[in-house]
Protein backbone atom coordinates (compact mmCIF):
# COMPACT_ATOMS: atom_id res chain seq x y z
CA MET A 1 25.32 19.17 4.32
CA LYS A 2 22.07 17.50 5.27
CA THR A 3 20.38 14.85 3.13
CA ALA A 4 16.67 14.14 2.56
CA LEU A 5 15.28 11.06 0.84
CA ILE A 6 11.81 11.51 -0.67
CA THR A 7 9.69 8.78 -2.24
CA GLY A 8 7.06 9.64 -4.84
CA ALA A 9 9.15 12.68 -5.65
CA THR A 10 8.04 13.69 -9.14
CA SER A 11 4.66 15.27 -8.40
CA GLY A 12 2.34 16.59 -5.72
CA ILE A 13 3.54 16.63 -2.13
CA GLY A 14 6.78 14.84 -2.96
CA ALA A 15 7.78 17.40 -5.59
CA ALA A 16 6.81 20.28 -3.29
CA CYS A 17 8.95 18.81 -0.50
CA ALA A 18 11.87 18.41 -2.89
CA HIS A 19 11.71 22.11 -3.78
CA LEU A 20 11.37 23.27 -0.19
CA PHE A 21 14.17 21.10 1.17
CA ALA A 22 16.44 22.04 -1.73
CA ALA A 23 15.76 25.71 -0.95
CA GLN A 24 16.91 24.99 2.61
CA GLY A 25 20.20 23.60 1.31
CA TYR A 26 19.50 19.88 1.60
CA ARG A 27 20.92 17.52 -0.97
CA LEU A 28 18.28 15.08 -2.18
CA ILE A 29 17.75 11.43 -2.95
CA LEU A 30 14.60 11.32 -5.05
CA VAL A 31 12.77 8.03 -5.63
CA ALA A 32 10.10 7.80 -8.32
CA ARG A 33 8.91 5.58 -11.16
CA ARG A 34 8.80 8.07 -14.05
CA ALA A 35 12.38 8.33 -15.29
CA GLU A 36 11.96 11.25 -17.70
CA LEU A 37 10.00 13.37 -15.26
CA LEU A 38 12.43 12.53 -12.44
CA ALA A 39 15.40 13.61 -14.57
CA GLU A 40 13.62 16.87 -15.43
CA ARG A 41 12.78 17.58 -11.78
CA ALA A 42 16.32 16.79 -10.61
CA ARG A 43 17.91 18.99 -13.27
CA HIS A 44 15.67 21.91 -12.33
CA LEU A 45 16.47 21.57 -8.62
CA GLU A 46 20.20 21.34 -9.23
CA ASP A 47 20.17 24.40 -11.50
CA LYS A 48 17.92 26.50 -9.27
CA TYR A 49 19.34 25.68 -5.85
CA GLY A 50 22.87 24.50 -6.57
CA ILE A 51 22.37 21.25 -4.65
CA GLU A 52 23.21 17.65 -5.54
CA VAL A 53 20.46 15.19 -6.44
CA LYS A 54 20.63 11.40 -6.64
CA LYS A 55 17.90 9.94 -8.86
CA ILE A 56 16.48 6.50 -8.05
CA VAL A 57 14.10 5.32 -10.77
CA GLN A 58 12.30 2.60 -8.89
CA ASP A 59 8.89 1.34 -7.84
CA ILE A 60 8.91 1.13 -4.04
CA ARG A 61 6.80 -2.05 -4.24
CA ASP A 62 9.89 -3.93 -5.47
CA PHE A 63 11.99 -4.45 -2.34
CA GLU A 64 14.86 -6.29 -4.02
CA ASN A 65 15.51 -3.63 -6.66
CA LEU A 66 14.80 -0.73 -4.31
CA SER A 67 17.26 -2.16 -1.79
CA TYR A 68 19.92 -2.64 -4.46
CA ALA A 69 19.46 0.92 -5.78
CA LEU A 70 19.74 2.46 -2.34
CA GLU A 71 22.44 0.22 -0.87
CA THR A 72 24.74 0.91 -3.82
CA LEU A 73 24.69 4.65 -3.11
CA PRO A 74 28.04 6.07 -1.94
CA ALA A 75 28.54 5.78 1.83
CA GLU A 76 28.28 9.53 2.41
CA TRP A 77 24.80 9.55 0.86
CA LYS A 78 23.55 6.95 3.33
CA LYS A 79 23.77 9.47 6.18
CA VAL A 80 20.15 10.44 5.60
CA ASP A 81 18.80 13.10 7.95
CA VAL A 82 15.18 13.01 6.78
CA LEU A 83 13.15 10.24 5.14
CA ILE A 84 9.82 11.39 3.71
CA ASN A 85 7.64 8.35 3.02
CA ASN A 86 5.39 10.13 0.56
CA ALA A 87 4.69 7.57 -2.19
CA GLY A 88 1.10 6.40 -1.97
CA LEU A 89 -2.13 6.24 -3.93
CA SER A 90 -5.76 5.30 -4.05
CA GLN A 91 -7.37 3.15 -6.71
CA GLY A 92 -11.10 3.08 -7.32
CA LEU A 93 -14.01 4.12 -5.12
CA ASP A 94 -16.18 1.02 -4.92
CA PRO A 95 -18.12 -0.68 -2.13
CA ILE A 96 -16.30 -3.66 -0.67
CA HIS A 97 -18.32 -6.29 -2.57
CA LYS A 98 -17.53 -4.64 -5.91
CA GLY A 99 -13.89 -3.83 -5.25
CA SER A 100 -11.12 -4.78 -7.65
CA ILE A 101 -8.54 -7.25 -6.32
CA SER A 102 -5.94 -5.57 -8.52
CA ASP A 103 -6.76 -2.18 -6.99
CA TRP A 104 -6.54 -3.65 -3.50
CA ASP A 105 -3.14 -5.19 -4.21
CA THR A 106 -1.81 -1.94 -5.66
CA MET A 107 -2.88 0.09 -2.62
CA ILE A 108 -1.64 -2.44 -0.06
CA ASP A 109 1.66 -3.00 -1.86
CA THR A 110 2.33 0.73 -2.27
CA ASN A 111 0.85 2.37 0.81
CA ILE A 112 1.88 -0.24 3.37
CA LYS A 113 4.56 -2.54 2.00
CA GLY A 114 6.34 0.15 -0.02
CA LEU A 115 6.49 2.41 3.04
CA LEU A 116 7.86 -0.50 5.06
CA TYR A 117 10.48 -1.31 2.43
CA SER A 118 11.92 2.21 2.28
CA THR A 119 11.80 2.47 6.07
CA LYS A 120 13.52 -0.91 6.53
CA ILE A 121 16.47 0.23 4.43
CA VAL A 122 16.86 3.82 5.61
CA SER A 123 16.09 3.24 9.29
CA ASN A 124 19.08 0.90 9.50
CA TRP A 125 21.29 3.73 8.24
CA MET A 126 19.77 6.05 10.83
CA VAL A 127 20.24 3.51 13.64
CA ALA A 128 23.93 3.28 12.74
CA GLU A 129 24.21 7.08 13.00
CA LYS A 130 21.89 7.30 16.05
CA ARG A 131 19.98 10.17 14.49
CA GLY A 132 17.41 10.95 11.80
CA HIS A 133 13.79 11.88 11.24
CA ILE A 134 11.15 9.80 9.45
CA ILE A 135 8.04 11.58 8.14
CA ASN A 136 5.15 9.33 7.13
CA ILE A 137 2.47 10.81 4.90
CA GLY A 138 -0.89 9.53 6.10
CA SER A 139 -4.37 10.88 5.39
CA ILE A 140 -7.64 11.87 7.00
CA ALA A 141 -8.53 8.36 5.75
CA GLY A 142 -6.16 7.04 8.41
CA LYS A 143 -8.22 8.71 11.13
CA GLU A 144 -11.74 7.86 9.99
CA VAL A 145 -13.49 5.68 7.43
CA TYR A 146 -15.80 6.92 4.68
CA PRO A 147 -18.20 5.18 2.27
CA ASN A 148 -16.45 3.20 -0.47
CA GLY A 149 -13.04 4.07 0.98
CA ASN A 150 -12.67 0.63 2.60
CA VAL A 151 -9.22 -0.65 1.52
CA TYR A 152 -7.65 2.77 1.00
CA CYS A 153 -8.79 3.79 4.49
CA ALA A 154 -7.42 0.50 5.84
CA THR A 155 -4.00 1.17 4.32
CA LYS A 156 -3.85 4.66 5.82
CA HIS A 157 -4.98 3.34 9.20
CA ALA A 158 -2.02 0.97 8.88
CA VAL A 159 0.29 3.93 8.23
CA ASP A 160 -1.07 5.58 11.39
CA ALA A 161 -0.32 2.43 13.41
CA LEU A 162 3.12 1.99 11.86
CA ASN A 163 3.97 5.60 12.62
CA LYS A 164 3.26 4.99 16.31
CA SER A 165 5.13 1.70 16.45
CA MET A 166 8.15 3.07 14.57
CA ARG A 167 8.41 5.84 17.13
CA ILE A 168 8.56 3.28 19.94
CA ASP A 169 11.01 0.96 18.20
CA LEU A 170 13.40 3.72 17.14
CA LEU A 171 13.24 5.74 20.36
CA PRO A 172 16.48 4.29 21.81
CA TYR A 173 18.41 5.48 18.75
CA GLY A 174 17.44 9.14 18.89
CA ILE A 175 15.36 8.90 15.72
CA LYS A 176 12.29 11.11 15.44
CA VAL A 177 9.15 9.73 13.79
CA SER A 178 6.28 11.98 12.70
CA ALA A 179 3.16 11.73 10.58
CA ILE A 180 1.15 14.30 8.71
CA HIS A 181 -2.43 13.48 7.74
CA PRO A 182 -3.89 15.74 5.01
CA GLY A 183 -7.49 16.18 4.06
CA MET A 184 -8.30 17.15 0.47
CA VAL A 185 -5.16 18.16 -1.43
CA GLU A 186 -5.42 18.99 -5.13
CA THR A 187 -2.65 16.89 -6.69
CA GLU A 188 -2.66 13.89 -9.05
CA PHE A 189 -4.37 11.89 -6.27
CA SER A 190 -7.91 11.97 -7.66
CA LYS A 191 -6.74 11.53 -11.23
CA VAL A 192 -4.90 8.37 -10.17
CA ARG A 193 -7.86 7.17 -8.09
CA PHE A 194 -10.13 7.49 -11.13
CA LYS A 195 -7.50 6.06 -13.48
CA GLY A 196 -6.97 9.12 -15.63
CA ASP A 197 -10.57 10.36 -15.75
CA GLU A 198 -9.79 14.09 -15.44
CA ASN A 199 -13.42 15.24 -15.48
CA ARG A 200 -14.32 12.97 -12.57
CA ALA A 201 -11.16 13.98 -10.72
CA LYS A 202 -11.88 17.71 -11.07
CA LYS A 203 -15.37 17.30 -9.61
CA VAL A 204 -13.83 16.18 -6.31
CA TYR A 205 -12.74 19.79 -5.69
CA ASP A 206 -15.80 21.57 -7.08
CA GLY A 207 -17.09 24.37 -4.90
CA LEU A 208 -14.24 24.54 -2.41
CA GLU A 209 -10.63 25.61 -2.10
CA PRO A 210 -8.64 22.48 -1.30
CA LEU A 211 -5.16 22.32 0.14
CA ILE A 212 -2.26 22.40 -2.29
CA ALA A 213 0.97 20.43 -2.16
CA ASP A 214 2.94 23.43 -0.89
CA ASP A 215 0.68 23.62 2.19
CA ILE A 216 1.73 20.12 3.20
CA ALA A 217 5.39 20.65 2.33
CA GLU A 218 5.48 23.74 4.55
CA ALA A 219 3.92 21.77 7.42
CA ILE A 220 6.52 19.03 6.94
CA TRP A 221 9.29 21.59 7.04
CA PHE A 222 7.86 22.96 10.28
CA ILE A 223 7.99 19.46 11.77
CA VAL A 224 11.56 18.86 10.62
CA SER A 225 12.84 22.28 11.70
CA ARG A 226 11.89 21.94 15.38
CA PRO A 227 14.74 21.90 17.93
CA PRO A 228 16.36 18.51 18.69
CA HIS A 229 14.35 18.03 21.88
CA VAL A 230 10.98 18.56 20.11
CA ASN A 231 9.11 15.99 18.03
CA ILE A 232 5.73 16.58 16.41
CA ASN A 233 4.21 13.11 16.66
CA ASP A 234 1.15 13.68 14.55
CA MET A 235 -0.44 16.48 12.54
CA LEU A 236 -3.88 16.56 10.90
CA ILE A 237 -4.28 19.35 8.35
CA MET A 238 -7.49 20.14 6.47
CA PRO A 239 -8.81 22.79 4.11
CA THR A 240 -11.05 25.26 5.92
CA ALA A 241 -14.04 23.99 3.94
CA GLN A 242 -13.60 20.40 5.12
CA ALA A 243 -14.62 19.36 8.65
CA THR A 244 -14.27 15.57 8.28
CA GLY A 245 -13.55 13.11 5.50
CA THR A 246 -17.08 13.54 4.16
CA ILE A 247 -18.48 16.79 5.61
CA ILE A 248 -17.51 19.52 3.18
CA ASP A 249 -18.89 23.03 2.63
CA ARG A 250 -19.26 23.42 -1.12
CA LYS A 251 -20.29 26.90 -2.25
């Protein structure tokens, strides 16, 4: 049985990936911060798909505790076939001179360092097995920069660079590395960016049909399900109404 480890697994793209991979018969290691929601998600997946789920209630910004939680898994669970580095967020939408240091730290620690921490642990397991596939969730913000996106865009540009360098470093071990870069996806993303302001978050998607989490999960499954000799290095996926990070056709 194959195993997938998904960070940020309780909502949005992470939750959609958990459902899709469970439907394909994968057993899951789900990493998330919200214990109650994680338990609910895991129970539903186990009941619906008859697969096993390991729950890791952990903030990926905490390397010591994340490492302990993962390294104490049973040996057979460390043979991870797919790592989906999904956990990430944006905080605020301010020009650089008005930005919040706390917001900057949260984005850098989650989007860059957290991704590195999970990769550091799991890639060593994959190297030992000489196989595996790492999927890094980037963003259109990792391909271009938009007004007031400064630090968030910088973190996603870092993900884009790390994706490329991981592929080089892990090439001798038969490990695939891929990235998917979504445009506007209607998840908790905007609600988190605007710190719970639902009215402001909803306006982000006014007048267009954005992507949904399932769209990205299906694209990730396409990447993972290619034959062994095929790797999709990079995929940029946008809603039809969005041409670039800022050029959007709102009806």
